[in-house]
Amino acid sequence: MLPAAAADRASAGWLTRGAQVARVAWVAWVAWVAWVAWVAQVAQVAQVAQVAQVAQVGQAAWVAIAIGRMASAPARP
């Protein structure tokens, strides 16, 4: 009877340990998914900011070209 009780306690310990491992694995997986989503969002925000910056620089270049053309155009009577 004593060995059976010890076996029951041992199996209960393994079940508890298995539940702890499963819980840690689940938390790690959720953290990893959240991190991947955060990295994707940061990359998207950075890309949008870069596109806006490129558009602003492009607009400034077109304005400079237009001003240069107006300045070099012959004066109208």
N, C-alpha and C. Protein backbone atom coordinates (compact mmCIF):
# COMPACT_ATOMS: atom_id res chain seq x y z
N MET A 1 0.82 -1.19 0.00
CA MET A 1 0.00 0.00 0.00
C MET A 1 0.86 1.25 0.00
N LEU A 2 1.93 1.21 0.71
CA LEU A 2 2.81 2.38 0.77
C LEU A 2 3.41 2.70 -0.60
N PRO A 3 3.91 1.70 -1.34
CA PRO A 3 4.44 2.03 -2.66
C PRO A 3 3.37 2.61 -3.60
N ALA A 4 2.14 2.15 -3.48
CA ALA A 4 1.07 2.67 -4.34
C ALA A 4 0.80 4.14 -4.02
N ALA A 5 0.81 4.48 -2.73
CA ALA A 5 0.59 5.87 -2.34
C ALA A 5 1.73 6.75 -2.84
N ALA A 6 2.95 6.23 -2.76
CA ALA A 6 4.10 6.98 -3.26
C ALA A 6 4.00 7.16 -4.77
N ALA A 7 3.53 6.14 -5.45
CA ALA A 7 3.37 6.24 -6.90
C ALA A 7 2.30 7.27 -7.26
N ASP A 8 1.23 7.30 -6.48
CA ASP A 8 0.19 8.30 -6.72
C ASP A 8 0.72 9.72 -6.53
N ARG A 9 1.49 9.90 -5.47
CA ARG A 9 2.07 11.23 -5.22
C ARG A 9 3.04 11.61 -6.33
N ALA A 10 3.81 10.65 -6.78
CA ALA A 10 4.78 10.92 -7.85
C ALA A 10 4.06 11.29 -9.14
N SER A 11 2.99 10.56 -9.46
CA SER A 11 2.27 10.87 -10.70
C SER A 11 1.58 12.23 -10.58
N ALA A 12 1.08 12.54 -9.39
CA ALA A 12 0.46 13.85 -9.19
C ALA A 12 1.51 14.95 -9.34
N GLY A 13 2.73 14.69 -8.87
CA GLY A 13 3.81 15.66 -9.03
C GLY A 13 4.15 15.88 -10.49
N TRP A 14 4.16 14.80 -11.25
CA TRP A 14 4.45 14.93 -12.69
C TRP A 14 3.34 15.68 -13.40
N LEU A 15 2.10 15.43 -12.98
CA LEU A 15 0.99 16.16 -13.60
C LEU A 15 1.08 17.65 -13.29
N THR A 16 1.43 17.96 -12.04
CA THR A 16 1.58 19.36 -11.66
C THR A 16 2.72 19.99 -12.45
N ARG A 17 3.82 19.26 -12.55
CA ARG A 17 4.97 19.77 -13.30
C ARG A 17 4.61 19.95 -14.77
N GLY A 18 3.87 19.00 -15.31
CA GLY A 18 3.43 19.12 -16.71
C GLY A 18 2.52 20.32 -16.92
N ALA A 19 1.64 20.58 -15.96
CA ALA A 19 0.76 21.75 -16.06
C ALA A 19 1.57 23.04 -16.00
N GLN A 20 2.60 23.06 -15.14
CA GLN A 20 3.45 24.25 -15.06
C GLN A 20 4.21 24.47 -16.37
N VAL A 21 4.73 23.41 -16.92
CA VAL A 21 5.45 23.52 -18.20
C VAL A 21 4.51 23.99 -19.30
N ALA A 22 3.30 23.44 -19.32
CA ALA A 22 2.32 23.86 -20.33
C ALA A 22 1.96 25.33 -20.16
N ARG A 23 1.81 25.77 -18.92
CA ARG A 23 1.47 27.17 -18.66
C ARG A 23 2.60 28.09 -19.11
N VAL A 24 3.83 27.73 -18.80
CA VAL A 24 4.99 28.54 -19.21
C VAL A 24 5.09 28.57 -20.73
N ALA A 25 4.86 27.43 -21.36
CA ALA A 25 4.92 27.38 -22.83
C ALA A 25 3.83 28.25 -23.44
N TRP A 26 2.64 28.23 -22.86
CA TRP A 26 1.54 29.05 -23.37
C TRP A 26 1.85 30.53 -23.21
N VAL A 27 2.36 30.92 -22.05
CA VAL A 27 2.71 32.33 -21.81
C VAL A 27 3.82 32.76 -22.77
N ALA A 28 4.80 31.90 -22.99
CA ALA A 28 5.88 32.23 -23.92
C ALA A 28 5.34 32.38 -25.34
N TRP A 29 4.42 31.52 -25.73
CA TRP A 29 3.84 31.62 -27.07
C TRP A 29 3.04 32.90 -27.23
N VAL A 30 2.23 33.25 -26.23
CA VAL A 30 1.45 34.49 -26.29
C VAL A 30 2.37 35.70 -26.35
N ALA A 31 3.44 35.68 -25.56
CA ALA A 31 4.40 36.79 -25.58
C ALA A 31 5.07 36.90 -26.95
N TRP A 32 5.41 35.76 -27.54
CA TRP A 32 6.05 35.77 -28.86
C TRP A 32 5.10 36.33 -29.92
N VAL A 33 3.84 35.91 -29.89
CA VAL A 33 2.85 36.41 -30.85
C VAL A 33 2.66 37.92 -30.67
N ALA A 34 2.59 38.38 -29.43
CA ALA A 34 2.44 39.81 -29.18
C ALA A 34 3.66 40.58 -29.68
N TRP A 35 4.84 40.03 -29.47
CA TRP A 35 6.07 40.69 -29.93
C TRP A 35 6.11 40.77 -31.45
N VAL A 36 5.73 39.69 -32.13
CA VAL A 36 5.72 39.69 -33.60
C VAL A 36 4.71 40.73 -34.11
N ALA A 37 3.55 40.81 -33.49
CA ALA A 37 2.56 41.80 -33.90
C ALA A 37 3.07 43.21 -33.67
N TRP A 38 3.75 43.43 -32.54
CA TRP A 38 4.30 44.75 -32.23
C TRP A 38 5.38 45.14 -33.24
N VAL A 39 6.26 44.20 -33.57
CA VAL A 39 7.31 44.49 -34.55
C VAL A 39 6.69 44.83 -35.90
N ALA A 40 5.67 44.10 -36.31
CA ALA A 40 5.02 44.39 -37.58
C ALA A 40 4.37 45.77 -37.57
N GLN A 41 3.77 46.13 -36.45
CA GLN A 41 3.13 47.45 -36.35
C GLN A 41 4.17 48.55 -36.38
N VAL A 42 5.28 48.37 -35.66
CA VAL A 42 6.34 49.37 -35.67
C VAL A 42 6.92 49.52 -37.07
N ALA A 43 7.11 48.42 -37.77
CA ALA A 43 7.63 48.48 -39.13
C ALA A 43 6.65 49.19 -40.05
N GLN A 44 5.37 48.96 -39.88
CA GLN A 44 4.37 49.62 -40.71
C GLN A 44 4.35 51.12 -40.43
N VAL A 45 4.42 51.51 -39.17
CA VAL A 45 4.45 52.93 -38.82
C VAL A 45 5.70 53.58 -39.39
N ALA A 46 6.83 52.90 -39.29
CA ALA A 46 8.07 53.45 -39.83
C ALA A 46 7.98 53.58 -41.34
N GLN A 47 7.36 52.62 -42.00
CA GLN A 47 7.22 52.69 -43.46
C GLN A 47 6.32 53.85 -43.85
N VAL A 48 5.22 54.04 -43.13
CA VAL A 48 4.31 55.15 -43.42
C VAL A 48 5.04 56.47 -43.20
N ALA A 49 5.82 56.57 -42.13
CA ALA A 49 6.57 57.79 -41.86
C ALA A 49 7.59 58.04 -42.96
N GLN A 50 8.23 56.98 -43.43
CA GLN A 50 9.23 57.12 -44.49
C GLN A 50 8.56 57.56 -45.79
N VAL A 51 7.41 57.00 -46.11
CA VAL A 51 6.69 57.41 -47.32
C VAL A 51 6.29 58.88 -47.21
N ALA A 52 5.83 59.31 -46.05
CA ALA A 52 5.45 60.71 -45.86
C ALA A 52 6.67 61.61 -46.01
N GLN A 53 7.80 61.19 -45.48
CA GLN A 53 9.01 61.98 -45.58
C GLN A 53 9.47 62.07 -47.04
N VAL A 54 9.43 60.97 -47.75
CA VAL A 54 9.82 60.97 -49.16
C VAL A 54 8.88 61.87 -49.95
N ALA A 55 7.59 61.82 -49.66
CA ALA A 55 6.63 62.67 -50.35
C ALA A 55 6.91 64.14 -50.06
N GLN A 56 7.25 64.45 -48.82
CA GLN A 56 7.55 65.83 -48.46
C GLN A 56 8.81 66.31 -49.18
N VAL A 57 9.84 65.49 -49.22
CA VAL A 57 11.07 65.85 -49.92
C VAL A 57 10.80 65.99 -51.41
N GLY A 58 10.01 65.09 -51.97
CA GLY A 58 9.66 65.19 -53.39
C GLY A 58 8.88 66.45 -53.70
N GLN A 59 7.96 66.81 -52.82
CA GLN A 59 7.18 68.03 -53.02
C GLN A 59 8.09 69.25 -52.94
N ALA A 60 9.02 69.26 -52.01
CA ALA A 60 9.96 70.37 -51.90
C ALA A 60 10.82 70.47 -53.15
N ALA A 61 11.20 69.34 -53.71
CA ALA A 61 12.00 69.36 -54.94
C ALA A 61 11.19 69.93 -56.09
N TRP A 62 9.92 69.54 -56.21
CA TRP A 62 9.10 70.08 -57.28
C TRP A 62 8.88 71.58 -57.11
N VAL A 63 8.71 72.03 -55.90
CA VAL A 63 8.56 73.47 -55.64
C VAL A 63 9.82 74.20 -56.05
N ALA A 64 10.98 73.65 -55.72
CA ALA A 64 12.25 74.28 -56.09
C ALA A 64 12.40 74.32 -57.61
N ILE A 65 12.00 73.26 -58.28
CA ILE A 65 12.09 73.24 -59.75
C ILE A 65 11.15 74.30 -60.34
N ALA A 66 9.94 74.38 -59.81
CA ALA A 66 8.98 75.37 -60.32
C ALA A 66 9.47 76.79 -60.10
N ILE A 67 10.03 77.05 -58.94
CA ILE A 67 10.57 78.39 -58.65
C ILE A 67 11.73 78.69 -59.60
N GLY A 68 12.58 77.70 -59.81
CA GLY A 68 13.70 77.89 -60.73
C GLY A 68 13.23 78.17 -62.14
N ARG A 69 12.19 77.50 -62.59
CA ARG A 69 11.67 77.73 -63.94
C ARG A 69 11.04 79.12 -64.04
N MET A 70 10.32 79.51 -63.00
CA MET A 70 9.72 80.84 -63.04
C MET A 70 10.79 81.92 -63.03
N ALA A 71 11.85 81.70 -62.29
CA ALA A 71 12.91 82.69 -62.20
C ALA A 71 13.68 82.79 -63.51
N SER A 72 13.81 81.69 -64.22
CA SER A 72 14.58 81.72 -65.47
C SER A 72 13.71 82.00 -66.69
N ALA A 73 12.42 82.07 -66.51
CA ALA A 73 11.52 82.34 -67.64
C ALA A 73 11.67 83.80 -68.06
N PRO A 74 11.54 84.05 -69.36
CA PRO A 74 11.63 85.45 -69.80
C PRO A 74 10.45 86.26 -69.27
N ALA A 75 10.71 87.49 -68.98
CA ALA A 75 9.66 88.36 -68.45
C ALA A 75 8.64 88.65 -69.54
N ARG A 76 7.41 88.65 -69.19
CA ARG A 76 6.34 88.93 -70.15
C ARG A 76 6.06 90.43 -70.13
N PRO A 77 5.76 90.96 -71.30
CA PRO A 77 5.46 92.42 -71.35
C PRO A 77 4.15 92.77 -70.68
